[in-house]
Amino acid sequence: MRTRALLVALALSTLVPACTIETHPTAGVRADRRGRAVILAPRCGEVRIEAVQVADLDGPVRWRVEGGGTSQTIFPVGSEPPLMRVTDPLEGALDPNDAYVATVEYSGSGPDVEVEFRTSSLWTDRVIDADGDFLTTQKFADEADLGCIGGWLWVAGAIGIALVLAFIAAIVGSVWVIVRVLRKARRMREEDATPGRPDVSGR
């Protein structure tokens, strides 16, 4: 029984941490047909976007919107997305040759995602990601999907391990019960086969 309990505890200790593994959201920047910077913020499941901003590399915020958990995923820099409010309006166009950093703040405990870019280097059919790589829009979407399901793959693996350990625990428990029954039966046979001591009490 102790062995079975130990295996079950081990299975749970494997499963619980895996369930807390979070997805890894990403973000990217591309240009629209008018040459404006557009921030792409793919969501993972029920994750919402709390804020999006563009700032100079040395810190000052050029544009920022906040919204209490919007489900929108495309943010043209300088616009006011639905259900969000502009806390730092864009004053004038971004300098094409200056470097900026776009930041997407997701809900929950996930980290913010930052993307450095220059508007002069942006393409309408390419997305620069957080690693500084230019990807096709389809490749960017595919990698975002992989980042979203990464945590669930760990959970599925942990569930599989837990089921295997539970199966092993059931086998060990069954063998333990059978061994106990056999031992008890053998003791009973031995006791039946042992001759009784003679009665010398004189009664």
N, C-alpha and C. Protein backbone atom coordinates (compact mmCIF):
# COMPACT_ATOMS: atom_id res chain seq x y z
N MET A 1 0.82 -1.20 0.00
CA MET A 1 0.00 0.00 0.00
C MET A 1 0.86 1.25 0.00
N ARG A 2 1.96 1.20 0.78
CA ARG A 2 2.83 2.36 0.80
C ARG A 2 3.44 2.64 -0.57
N THR A 3 3.81 1.55 -1.28
CA THR A 3 4.37 1.72 -2.62
C THR A 3 3.35 2.34 -3.56
N ARG A 4 2.11 1.87 -3.48
CA ARG A 4 1.07 2.42 -4.35
C ARG A 4 0.83 3.89 -4.03
N ALA A 5 0.77 4.23 -2.78
CA ALA A 5 0.56 5.63 -2.39
C ALA A 5 1.72 6.50 -2.86
N LEU A 6 2.93 5.96 -2.79
CA LEU A 6 4.10 6.71 -3.22
C LEU A 6 4.04 6.98 -4.72
N LEU A 7 3.63 5.99 -5.50
CA LEU A 7 3.54 6.17 -6.95
C LEU A 7 2.45 7.17 -7.32
N VAL A 8 1.33 7.11 -6.64
CA VAL A 8 0.26 8.07 -6.90
C VAL A 8 0.72 9.48 -6.57
N ALA A 9 1.42 9.64 -5.45
CA ALA A 9 1.93 10.95 -5.07
C ALA A 9 2.93 11.46 -6.11
N LEU A 10 3.75 10.55 -6.63
CA LEU A 10 4.71 10.92 -7.66
C LEU A 10 4.01 11.37 -8.92
N ALA A 11 2.92 10.68 -9.28
CA ALA A 11 2.16 11.07 -10.47
C ALA A 11 1.57 12.46 -10.31
N LEU A 12 1.01 12.73 -9.14
CA LEU A 12 0.43 14.05 -8.91
C LEU A 12 1.48 15.14 -8.91
N SER A 13 2.65 14.84 -8.34
CA SER A 13 3.73 15.84 -8.31
C SER A 13 4.25 16.12 -9.70
N THR A 14 4.07 15.19 -10.63
CA THR A 14 4.46 15.41 -12.01
C THR A 14 3.41 16.21 -12.75
N LEU A 15 2.16 15.94 -12.47
CA LEU A 15 1.06 16.57 -13.19
C LEU A 15 0.84 18.02 -12.78
N VAL A 16 0.84 18.31 -11.49
CA VAL A 16 0.48 19.64 -11.02
C VAL A 16 1.41 20.72 -11.54
N PRO A 17 2.76 20.55 -11.45
CA PRO A 17 3.61 21.61 -12.00
C PRO A 17 3.39 21.81 -13.48
N ALA A 18 3.12 20.75 -14.22
CA ALA A 18 2.94 20.88 -15.66
C ALA A 18 1.69 21.70 -15.98
N CYS A 19 0.67 21.56 -15.15
CA CYS A 19 -0.57 22.31 -15.40
C CYS A 19 -0.37 23.80 -15.20
N THR A 20 0.67 24.20 -14.48
CA THR A 20 0.92 25.61 -14.25
C THR A 20 1.82 26.21 -15.33
N ILE A 21 2.33 25.37 -16.25
CA ILE A 21 3.15 25.89 -17.32
C ILE A 21 2.30 26.76 -18.22
N GLU A 22 2.76 27.96 -18.48
CA GLU A 22 1.95 28.88 -19.24
C GLU A 22 2.35 28.87 -20.70
N THR A 23 1.46 29.40 -21.54
CA THR A 23 1.77 29.55 -22.93
C THR A 23 2.75 30.69 -23.11
N HIS A 24 3.30 30.79 -24.30
CA HIS A 24 4.31 31.80 -24.57
C HIS A 24 3.83 32.71 -25.70
N PRO A 25 3.08 33.76 -25.35
CA PRO A 25 2.58 34.67 -26.39
C PRO A 25 3.72 35.41 -27.06
N THR A 26 3.46 35.89 -28.25
CA THR A 26 4.47 36.62 -28.99
C THR A 26 3.86 37.91 -29.52
N ALA A 27 4.65 38.65 -30.26
CA ALA A 27 4.18 39.89 -30.87
C ALA A 27 5.06 40.18 -32.06
N GLY A 28 4.57 41.01 -32.96
CA GLY A 28 5.34 41.38 -34.14
C GLY A 28 4.90 42.73 -34.65
N VAL A 29 5.68 43.25 -35.60
CA VAL A 29 5.37 44.56 -36.21
C VAL A 29 5.56 44.44 -37.72
N ARG A 30 4.62 45.00 -38.46
CA ARG A 30 4.72 45.09 -39.91
C ARG A 30 4.21 46.46 -40.34
N ALA A 31 4.27 46.74 -41.63
CA ALA A 31 3.74 47.99 -42.16
C ALA A 31 2.39 47.74 -42.82
N ASP A 32 1.53 48.76 -42.83
CA ASP A 32 0.30 48.66 -43.59
C ASP A 32 0.50 49.33 -44.95
N ARG A 33 -0.55 49.41 -45.74
CA ARG A 33 -0.42 49.96 -47.10
C ARG A 33 -0.05 51.44 -47.10
N ARG A 34 -0.31 52.11 -46.00
CA ARG A 34 0.02 53.53 -45.90
C ARG A 34 1.39 53.76 -45.30
N GLY A 35 2.10 52.68 -45.00
CA GLY A 35 3.44 52.81 -44.46
C GLY A 35 3.48 52.98 -42.95
N ARG A 36 2.35 52.87 -42.29
CA ARG A 36 2.31 52.99 -40.83
C ARG A 36 2.71 51.67 -40.17
N ALA A 37 3.27 51.77 -38.99
CA ALA A 37 3.60 50.56 -38.22
C ALA A 37 2.33 49.97 -37.65
N VAL A 38 2.24 48.64 -37.76
CA VAL A 38 1.09 47.90 -37.22
C VAL A 38 1.62 46.83 -36.29
N ILE A 39 1.12 46.82 -35.06
CA ILE A 39 1.55 45.84 -34.07
C ILE A 39 0.60 44.65 -34.11
N LEU A 40 1.17 43.46 -34.23
CA LEU A 40 0.39 42.22 -34.22
C LEU A 40 0.58 41.53 -32.88
N ALA A 41 -0.52 41.17 -32.24
CA ALA A 41 -0.47 40.57 -30.91
C ALA A 41 -1.37 39.34 -30.85
N PRO A 42 -0.89 38.20 -31.37
CA PRO A 42 -1.71 36.97 -31.32
C PRO A 42 -2.03 36.59 -29.88
N ARG A 43 -3.28 36.16 -29.67
CA ARG A 43 -3.70 35.75 -28.33
C ARG A 43 -3.66 34.25 -28.19
N CYS A 44 -3.50 33.80 -26.96
CA CYS A 44 -3.52 32.37 -26.65
C CYS A 44 -4.76 32.07 -25.82
N GLY A 45 -5.73 31.39 -26.42
CA GLY A 45 -6.92 31.00 -25.66
C GLY A 45 -7.66 32.19 -25.09
N GLU A 46 -7.81 32.18 -23.78
CA GLU A 46 -8.55 33.25 -23.10
C GLU A 46 -7.67 34.41 -22.68
N VAL A 47 -6.41 34.40 -23.07
CA VAL A 47 -5.52 35.50 -22.72
C VAL A 47 -6.00 36.78 -23.40
N ARG A 48 -5.99 37.86 -22.68
CA ARG A 48 -6.41 39.15 -23.21
C ARG A 48 -5.23 40.12 -23.20
N ILE A 49 -5.38 41.19 -23.97
CA ILE A 49 -4.33 42.20 -24.08
C ILE A 49 -4.73 43.40 -23.24
N GLU A 50 -3.86 43.73 -22.31
CA GLU A 50 -4.14 44.84 -21.39
C GLU A 50 -3.69 46.18 -21.94
N ALA A 51 -2.58 46.21 -22.66
CA ALA A 51 -2.05 47.48 -23.16
C ALA A 51 -1.08 47.22 -24.30
N VAL A 52 -0.98 48.22 -25.19
CA VAL A 52 -0.03 48.18 -26.30
C VAL A 52 0.60 49.57 -26.38
N GLN A 53 1.91 49.60 -26.60
CA GLN A 53 2.56 50.91 -26.68
C GLN A 53 3.77 50.86 -27.61
N VAL A 54 4.18 52.06 -28.02
CA VAL A 54 5.42 52.25 -28.77
C VAL A 54 6.22 53.32 -28.04
N ALA A 55 7.49 53.03 -27.82
CA ALA A 55 8.35 53.98 -27.11
C ALA A 55 9.69 54.09 -27.82
N ASP A 56 10.37 55.20 -27.57
CA ASP A 56 11.75 55.32 -28.04
C ASP A 56 12.61 54.32 -27.30
N LEU A 57 13.73 53.97 -27.88
CA LEU A 57 14.61 53.02 -27.20
C LEU A 57 15.12 53.54 -25.87
N ASP A 58 15.23 54.88 -25.74
CA ASP A 58 15.72 55.43 -24.48
C ASP A 58 14.62 55.68 -23.48
N GLY A 59 13.37 55.27 -23.79
CA GLY A 59 12.35 55.28 -22.75
C GLY A 59 11.07 56.04 -22.99
N PRO A 60 11.08 57.27 -23.53
CA PRO A 60 9.82 58.03 -23.63
C PRO A 60 8.78 57.30 -24.48
N VAL A 61 7.55 57.26 -23.97
CA VAL A 61 6.45 56.60 -24.68
C VAL A 61 5.92 57.54 -25.76
N ARG A 62 5.79 57.02 -26.98
CA ARG A 62 5.28 57.81 -28.09
C ARG A 62 3.78 57.60 -28.29
N TRP A 63 3.31 56.41 -27.97
CA TRP A 63 1.89 56.09 -28.14
C TRP A 63 1.56 54.91 -27.24
N ARG A 64 0.40 54.95 -26.58
CA ARG A 64 0.00 53.87 -25.69
C ARG A 64 -1.52 53.81 -25.62
N VAL A 65 -2.05 52.58 -25.65
CA VAL A 65 -3.48 52.37 -25.46
C VAL A 65 -3.65 51.29 -24.39
N GLU A 66 -4.71 51.43 -23.61
CA GLU A 66 -5.04 50.47 -22.57
C GLU A 66 -6.51 50.10 -22.69
N GLY A 67 -6.86 48.89 -22.21
CA GLY A 67 -8.25 48.53 -22.43
C GLY A 67 -8.86 47.48 -21.55
N GLY A 68 -8.21 47.01 -20.52
CA GLY A 68 -8.86 46.08 -19.62
C GLY A 68 -9.19 44.73 -20.23
N GLY A 69 -8.35 44.25 -21.12
CA GLY A 69 -8.54 42.90 -21.61
C GLY A 69 -9.24 42.79 -22.94
N THR A 70 -8.75 43.47 -23.96
CA THR A 70 -9.37 43.39 -25.28
C THR A 70 -8.98 42.08 -25.97
N SER A 71 -9.82 41.65 -26.90
CA SER A 71 -9.53 40.46 -27.69
C SER A 71 -8.97 40.83 -29.06
N GLN A 72 -8.78 42.11 -29.31
CA GLN A 72 -8.25 42.54 -30.60
C GLN A 72 -6.79 42.10 -30.72
N THR A 73 -6.34 41.87 -31.95
CA THR A 73 -4.98 41.38 -32.17
C THR A 73 -4.16 42.25 -33.12
N ILE A 74 -4.79 43.25 -33.77
CA ILE A 74 -4.09 44.12 -34.71
C ILE A 74 -4.24 45.56 -34.24
N PHE A 75 -3.10 46.26 -34.11
CA PHE A 75 -3.09 47.60 -33.53
C PHE A 75 -2.26 48.54 -34.41
N PRO A 76 -2.89 49.29 -35.31
CA PRO A 76 -2.15 50.32 -36.06
C PRO A 76 -1.67 51.41 -35.10
N VAL A 77 -0.39 51.71 -35.16
CA VAL A 77 0.18 52.69 -34.24
C VAL A 77 -0.46 54.06 -34.51
N GLY A 78 -0.96 54.69 -33.46
CA GLY A 78 -1.60 55.99 -33.57
C GLY A 78 -3.11 55.93 -33.56
N SER A 79 -3.67 54.73 -33.68
CA SER A 79 -5.13 54.58 -33.72
C SER A 79 -5.70 54.43 -32.31
N GLU A 80 -7.01 54.42 -32.23
CA GLU A 80 -7.71 54.16 -30.97
C GLU A 80 -8.57 52.92 -31.17
N PRO A 81 -8.06 51.75 -30.79
CA PRO A 81 -8.81 50.51 -31.03
C PRO A 81 -10.12 50.49 -30.24
N PRO A 82 -11.11 49.76 -30.72
CA PRO A 82 -12.38 49.65 -29.98
C PRO A 82 -12.16 49.07 -28.58
N LEU A 83 -12.94 49.57 -27.64
CA LEU A 83 -12.92 49.13 -26.25
C LEU A 83 -11.61 49.43 -25.55
N MET A 84 -10.78 50.28 -26.14
CA MET A 84 -9.53 50.70 -25.50
C MET A 84 -9.48 52.22 -25.46
N ARG A 85 -8.65 52.75 -24.61
CA ARG A 85 -8.51 54.21 -24.52
C ARG A 85 -7.05 54.59 -24.74
N VAL A 86 -6.87 55.71 -25.38
CA VAL A 86 -5.52 56.22 -25.65
C VAL A 86 -5.06 56.99 -24.43
N THR A 87 -4.02 56.51 -23.80
CA THR A 87 -3.46 57.23 -22.64
C THR A 87 -2.29 58.12 -23.04
N ASP A 88 -1.64 57.79 -24.16
CA ASP A 88 -0.55 58.61 -24.69
C ASP A 88 -0.76 58.71 -26.20
N PRO A 89 -1.39 59.79 -26.67
CA PRO A 89 -1.64 59.91 -28.11
C PRO A 89 -0.35 60.13 -28.89
N LEU A 90 -0.34 59.64 -30.12
CA LEU A 90 0.82 59.81 -30.99
C LEU A 90 0.82 61.23 -31.53
N GLU A 91 1.90 61.93 -31.30
CA GLU A 91 2.06 63.31 -31.78
C GLU A 91 3.04 63.32 -32.95
N GLY A 92 2.48 63.31 -34.13
CA GLY A 92 3.33 63.29 -35.31
C GLY A 92 3.72 61.87 -35.68
N ALA A 93 4.13 61.69 -36.93
CA ALA A 93 4.50 60.36 -37.41
C ALA A 93 5.83 59.92 -36.79
N LEU A 94 6.02 58.62 -36.71
CA LEU A 94 7.28 58.08 -36.24
C LEU A 94 8.37 58.37 -37.27
N ASP A 95 9.55 58.70 -36.78
CA ASP A 95 10.67 58.96 -37.68
C ASP A 95 11.09 57.65 -38.34
N PRO A 96 11.15 57.60 -39.68
CA PRO A 96 11.47 56.34 -40.35
C PRO A 96 12.82 55.75 -39.97
N ASN A 97 13.76 56.59 -39.58
CA ASN A 97 15.11 56.10 -39.31
C ASN A 97 15.41 55.90 -37.83
N ASP A 98 14.49 56.28 -36.96
CA ASP A 98 14.71 56.09 -35.53
C ASP A 98 14.27 54.68 -35.12
N ALA A 99 14.90 54.18 -34.08
CA ALA A 99 14.56 52.86 -33.56
C ALA A 99 13.53 53.00 -32.44
N TYR A 100 12.55 52.12 -32.47
CA TYR A 100 11.50 52.12 -31.46
C TYR A 100 11.32 50.71 -30.91
N VAL A 101 10.60 50.63 -29.80
CA VAL A 101 10.27 49.33 -29.23
C VAL A 101 8.76 49.27 -28.99
N ALA A 102 8.14 48.28 -29.57
CA ALA A 102 6.71 48.04 -29.36
C ALA A 102 6.55 47.04 -28.22
N THR A 103 5.64 47.31 -27.32
CA THR A 103 5.41 46.44 -26.16
C THR A 103 3.95 46.04 -26.10
N VAL A 104 3.73 44.75 -25.93
CA VAL A 104 2.37 44.22 -25.75
C VAL A 104 2.29 43.63 -24.35
N GLU A 105 1.33 44.11 -23.57
CA GLU A 105 1.15 43.64 -22.20
C GLU A 105 -0.08 42.72 -22.18
N TYR A 106 0.16 41.45 -21.87
CA TYR A 106 -0.92 40.46 -21.84
C TYR A 106 -1.47 40.33 -20.42
N SER A 107 -2.71 39.85 -20.33
CA SER A 107 -3.32 39.63 -19.01
C SER A 107 -2.69 38.41 -18.36
N GLY A 108 -2.93 38.28 -17.06
CA GLY A 108 -2.37 37.14 -16.32
C GLY A 108 -0.93 37.39 -15.94
N SER A 109 -0.23 36.28 -15.69
CA SER A 109 1.15 36.38 -15.22
C SER A 109 2.17 36.25 -16.35
N GLY A 110 1.70 36.23 -17.59
CA GLY A 110 2.62 36.11 -18.71
C GLY A 110 3.48 37.36 -18.85
N PRO A 111 4.68 37.21 -19.39
CA PRO A 111 5.57 38.36 -19.54
C PRO A 111 5.13 39.27 -20.67
N ASP A 112 5.50 40.55 -20.58
CA ASP A 112 5.29 41.46 -21.69
C ASP A 112 6.20 41.06 -22.85
N VAL A 113 5.76 41.36 -24.05
CA VAL A 113 6.55 41.04 -25.24
C VAL A 113 6.98 42.34 -25.90
N GLU A 114 8.28 42.46 -26.19
CA GLU A 114 8.83 43.66 -26.80
C GLU A 114 9.43 43.34 -28.16
N VAL A 115 9.23 44.25 -29.10
CA VAL A 115 9.75 44.10 -30.46
C VAL A 115 10.41 45.41 -30.86
N GLU A 116 11.68 45.37 -31.20
CA GLU A 116 12.38 46.55 -31.69
C GLU A 116 12.23 46.65 -33.20
N PHE A 117 12.06 47.88 -33.70
CA PHE A 117 11.84 48.05 -35.14
C PHE A 117 12.18 49.48 -35.57
N ARG A 118 12.34 49.64 -36.87
CA ARG A 118 12.42 50.93 -37.54
C ARG A 118 11.37 50.92 -38.64
N THR A 119 10.61 51.99 -38.76
CA THR A 119 9.53 51.99 -39.75
C THR A 119 10.08 51.89 -41.17
N SER A 120 11.30 52.38 -41.40
CA SER A 120 11.89 52.30 -42.74
C SER A 120 12.23 50.87 -43.14
N SER A 121 12.30 49.95 -42.14
CA SER A 121 12.66 48.57 -42.42
C SER A 121 11.46 47.63 -42.47
N LEU A 122 10.27 48.17 -42.28
CA LEU A 122 9.08 47.32 -42.23
C LEU A 122 8.55 47.01 -43.62
N TRP A 123 7.92 45.83 -43.73
CA TRP A 123 7.30 45.37 -44.95
C TRP A 123 5.82 45.10 -44.70
N THR A 124 5.04 45.16 -45.78
CA THR A 124 3.62 44.85 -45.63
C THR A 124 3.38 43.33 -45.57
N ASP A 125 4.28 42.55 -46.15
CA ASP A 125 4.11 41.09 -46.19
C ASP A 125 5.12 40.35 -45.32
N ARG A 126 5.82 41.06 -44.46
CA ARG A 126 6.77 40.46 -43.54
C ARG A 126 6.53 41.03 -42.15
N VAL A 127 6.76 40.20 -41.16
CA VAL A 127 6.55 40.61 -39.76
C VAL A 127 7.87 40.45 -39.02
N ILE A 128 8.31 41.48 -38.33
CA ILE A 128 9.49 41.35 -37.49
C ILE A 128 9.02 40.91 -36.11
N ASP A 129 9.62 39.83 -35.59
CA ASP A 129 9.17 39.28 -34.30
C ASP A 129 10.07 39.75 -33.17
N ALA A 130 9.81 39.20 -31.98
CA ALA A 130 10.55 39.62 -30.79
C ALA A 130 12.03 39.27 -30.86
N ASP A 131 12.40 38.32 -31.72
CA ASP A 131 13.80 37.94 -31.89
C ASP A 131 14.50 38.76 -32.96
N GLY A 132 13.77 39.65 -33.61
CA GLY A 132 14.36 40.46 -34.66
C GLY A 132 14.38 39.80 -36.02
N ASP A 133 13.67 38.68 -36.15
CA ASP A 133 13.61 37.96 -37.42
C ASP A 133 12.41 38.43 -38.24
N PHE A 134 12.61 38.53 -39.56
CA PHE A 134 11.51 38.87 -40.46
C PHE A 134 10.88 37.58 -40.97
N LEU A 135 9.60 37.42 -40.73
CA LEU A 135 8.87 36.21 -41.10
C LEU A 135 7.71 36.57 -42.02
N THR A 136 7.32 35.62 -42.85
CA THR A 136 6.08 35.83 -43.60
C THR A 136 4.93 35.86 -42.59
N THR A 137 3.83 36.46 -43.01
CA THR A 137 2.70 36.54 -42.08
C THR A 137 2.21 35.16 -41.68
N GLN A 138 2.27 34.20 -42.63
CA GLN A 138 1.83 32.84 -42.31
C GLN A 138 2.79 32.17 -41.34
N LYS A 139 4.09 32.34 -41.57
CA LYS A 139 5.09 31.76 -40.67
C LYS A 139 4.96 32.35 -39.27
N PHE A 140 4.73 33.66 -39.20
CA PHE A 140 4.55 34.31 -37.90
C PHE A 140 3.33 33.74 -37.19
N ALA A 141 2.23 33.57 -37.92
CA ALA A 141 1.01 33.01 -37.31
C ALA A 141 1.24 31.58 -36.85
N ASP A 142 1.97 30.79 -37.65
CA ASP A 142 2.23 29.39 -37.27
C ASP A 142 3.06 29.32 -35.99
N GLU A 143 4.09 30.15 -35.90
CA GLU A 143 4.93 30.13 -34.70
C GLU A 143 4.16 30.63 -33.49
N ALA A 144 3.27 31.58 -33.70
CA ALA A 144 2.43 32.05 -32.58
C ALA A 144 1.54 30.93 -32.08
N ASP A 145 0.99 30.13 -33.01
CA ASP A 145 0.14 29.00 -32.61
C ASP A 145 0.94 27.97 -31.81
N LEU A 146 2.19 27.71 -32.24
CA LEU A 146 3.03 26.76 -31.52
C LEU A 146 3.33 27.26 -30.12
N GLY A 147 3.56 28.57 -29.98
CA GLY A 147 3.80 29.13 -28.66
C GLY A 147 2.59 28.99 -27.76
N CYS A 148 1.39 29.06 -28.37
CA CYS A 148 0.16 28.96 -27.57
C CYS A 148 -0.08 27.55 -27.07
N ILE A 149 0.24 26.53 -27.90
CA ILE A 149 -0.06 25.17 -27.49
C ILE A 149 1.10 24.52 -26.76
N GLY A 150 2.23 25.24 -26.66
CA GLY A 150 3.39 24.62 -26.01
C GLY A 150 3.11 24.17 -24.59
N GLY A 151 2.42 25.03 -23.80
CA GLY A 151 2.12 24.65 -22.44
C GLY A 151 1.19 23.47 -22.35
N TRP A 152 0.22 23.39 -23.29
CA TRP A 152 -0.72 22.27 -23.26
C TRP A 152 -0.08 20.96 -23.65
N LEU A 153 0.98 21.02 -24.50
CA LEU A 153 1.70 19.79 -24.81
C LEU A 153 2.35 19.22 -23.56
N TRP A 154 2.90 20.11 -22.73
CA TRP A 154 3.49 19.65 -21.47
C TRP A 154 2.42 19.04 -20.57
N VAL A 155 1.27 19.67 -20.54
CA VAL A 155 0.19 19.14 -19.70
C VAL A 155 -0.23 17.76 -20.19
N ALA A 156 -0.38 17.61 -21.52
CA ALA A 156 -0.77 16.31 -22.07
C ALA A 156 0.27 15.25 -21.74
N GLY A 157 1.55 15.62 -21.85
CA GLY A 157 2.60 14.67 -21.49
C GLY A 157 2.56 14.29 -20.03
N ALA A 158 2.30 15.27 -19.18
CA ALA A 158 2.23 14.99 -17.74
C ALA A 158 1.05 14.08 -17.41
N ILE A 159 -0.08 14.31 -18.10
CA ILE A 159 -1.24 13.45 -17.88
C ILE A 159 -0.92 12.02 -18.29
N GLY A 160 -0.21 11.87 -19.43
CA GLY A 160 0.18 10.54 -19.87
C GLY A 160 1.07 9.84 -18.86
N ILE A 161 2.04 10.58 -18.33
CA ILE A 161 2.93 10.00 -17.33
C ILE A 161 2.14 9.61 -16.08
N ALA A 162 1.20 10.48 -15.68
CA ALA A 162 0.40 10.18 -14.50
C ALA A 162 -0.43 8.92 -14.70
N LEU A 163 -0.99 8.76 -15.89
CA LEU A 163 -1.79 7.56 -16.16
C LEU A 163 -0.93 6.31 -16.13
N VAL A 164 0.27 6.39 -16.70
CA VAL A 164 1.18 5.23 -16.68
C VAL A 164 1.55 4.87 -15.25
N LEU A 165 1.88 5.89 -14.45
CA LEU A 165 2.25 5.63 -13.06
C LEU A 165 1.07 5.06 -12.27
N ALA A 166 -0.12 5.58 -12.56
CA ALA A 166 -1.31 5.05 -11.87
C ALA A 166 -1.54 3.58 -12.25
N PHE A 167 -1.31 3.24 -13.52
CA PHE A 167 -1.45 1.86 -13.96
C PHE A 167 -0.44 0.96 -13.26
N ILE A 168 0.81 1.45 -13.18
CA ILE A 168 1.84 0.68 -12.48
C ILE A 168 1.47 0.51 -11.01
N ALA A 169 0.94 1.59 -10.42
CA ALA A 169 0.55 1.52 -9.00
C ALA A 169 -0.56 0.49 -8.80
N ALA A 170 -1.50 0.43 -9.75
CA ALA A 170 -2.58 -0.56 -9.64
C ALA A 170 -2.03 -1.97 -9.72
N ILE A 171 -1.07 -2.19 -10.63
CA ILE A 171 -0.48 -3.52 -10.75
C ILE A 171 0.27 -3.90 -9.48
N VAL A 172 1.07 -2.96 -8.98
CA VAL A 172 1.82 -3.23 -7.75
C VAL A 172 0.87 -3.52 -6.59
N GLY A 173 -0.22 -2.74 -6.50
CA GLY A 173 -1.19 -2.98 -5.44
C GLY A 173 -1.84 -4.34 -5.56
N SER A 174 -2.19 -4.74 -6.78
CA SER A 174 -2.80 -6.05 -6.99
C SER A 174 -1.85 -7.18 -6.62
N VAL A 175 -0.59 -7.05 -7.04
CA VAL A 175 0.41 -8.07 -6.70
C VAL A 175 0.58 -8.16 -5.19
N TRP A 176 0.58 -7.02 -4.54
CA TRP A 176 0.76 -6.99 -3.07
C TRP A 176 -0.40 -7.72 -2.40
N VAL A 177 -1.63 -7.50 -2.89
CA VAL A 177 -2.80 -8.18 -2.32
C VAL A 177 -2.70 -9.68 -2.55
N ILE A 178 -2.33 -10.09 -3.75
CA ILE A 178 -2.22 -11.52 -4.07
C ILE A 178 -1.16 -12.19 -3.19
N VAL A 179 -0.02 -11.51 -3.02
CA VAL A 179 1.05 -12.07 -2.18
C VAL A 179 0.57 -12.24 -0.74
N ARG A 180 -0.15 -11.27 -0.22
CA ARG A 180 -0.67 -11.38 1.14
C ARG A 180 -1.65 -12.54 1.27
N VAL A 181 -2.53 -12.70 0.27
CA VAL A 181 -3.50 -13.79 0.31
C VAL A 181 -2.79 -15.14 0.27
N LEU A 182 -1.77 -15.27 -0.60
CA LEU A 182 -1.03 -16.52 -0.70
C LEU A 182 -0.29 -16.84 0.60
N ARG A 183 0.33 -15.81 1.19
CA ARG A 183 1.03 -16.02 2.46
C ARG A 183 0.07 -16.47 3.56
N LYS A 184 -1.08 -15.84 3.59
CA LYS A 184 -2.06 -16.21 4.61
C LYS A 184 -2.56 -17.63 4.40
N ALA A 185 -2.77 -18.00 3.14
CA ALA A 185 -3.22 -19.36 2.85
C ALA A 185 -2.15 -20.38 3.22
N ARG A 186 -0.88 -20.05 2.96
CA ARG A 186 0.19 -20.97 3.30
C ARG A 186 0.30 -21.14 4.80
N ARG A 187 0.16 -20.03 5.55
CA ARG A 187 0.22 -20.13 7.02
C ARG A 187 -0.91 -21.00 7.53
N MET A 188 -2.08 -20.87 6.95
CA MET A 188 -3.22 -21.68 7.40
C MET A 188 -2.98 -23.16 7.11
N ARG A 189 -2.39 -23.45 5.93
CA ARG A 189 -2.08 -24.84 5.61
C ARG A 189 -1.04 -25.40 6.56
N GLU A 190 -0.03 -24.61 6.88
CA GLU A 190 1.01 -25.05 7.81
C GLU A 190 0.44 -25.32 9.19
N GLU A 191 -0.46 -24.42 9.62
CA GLU A 191 -1.07 -24.61 10.93
C GLU A 191 -1.94 -25.87 10.95
N ASP A 192 -2.65 -26.14 9.87
CA ASP A 192 -3.48 -27.34 9.80
C ASP A 192 -2.62 -28.61 9.76
N ALA A 193 -1.44 -28.51 9.13
CA ALA A 193 -0.56 -29.68 9.01
C ALA A 193 0.25 -29.94 10.27
N THR A 194 0.34 -28.99 11.18
CA THR A 194 1.14 -29.15 12.39
C THR A 194 0.34 -29.95 13.43
N PRO A 195 0.87 -31.13 13.92
CA PRO A 195 0.12 -31.93 14.93
C PRO A 195 -0.02 -31.17 16.23
N GLY A 196 -1.13 -31.36 16.84
CA GLY A 196 -1.38 -30.67 18.10
C GLY A 196 -0.52 -31.27 19.22
N ARG A 197 -0.17 -30.49 20.18
CA ARG A 197 0.62 -30.95 21.32
C ARG A 197 -0.24 -31.87 22.21
N PRO A 198 0.37 -32.91 22.80
CA PRO A 198 -0.42 -33.79 23.70
C PRO A 198 -0.84 -33.06 24.95
N ASP A 199 -1.99 -33.42 25.42
CA ASP A 199 -2.53 -32.81 26.63
C ASP A 199 -1.94 -33.55 27.84
N VAL A 200 -1.07 -32.85 28.56
CA VAL A 200 -0.40 -33.45 29.73
C VAL A 200 -0.93 -32.90 31.04
N SER A 201 -2.06 -32.21 30.93
CA SER A 201 -2.59 -31.59 32.16
C SER A 201 -3.31 -32.59 33.03
N GLY A 202 -3.62 -33.78 32.49
CA GLY A 202 -4.29 -34.80 33.30
C GLY A 202 -5.78 -34.58 33.37
N ARG A 203 -6.27 -33.60 32.65
CA ARG A 203 -7.71 -33.38 32.71
C ARG A 203 -8.45 -34.31 31.78
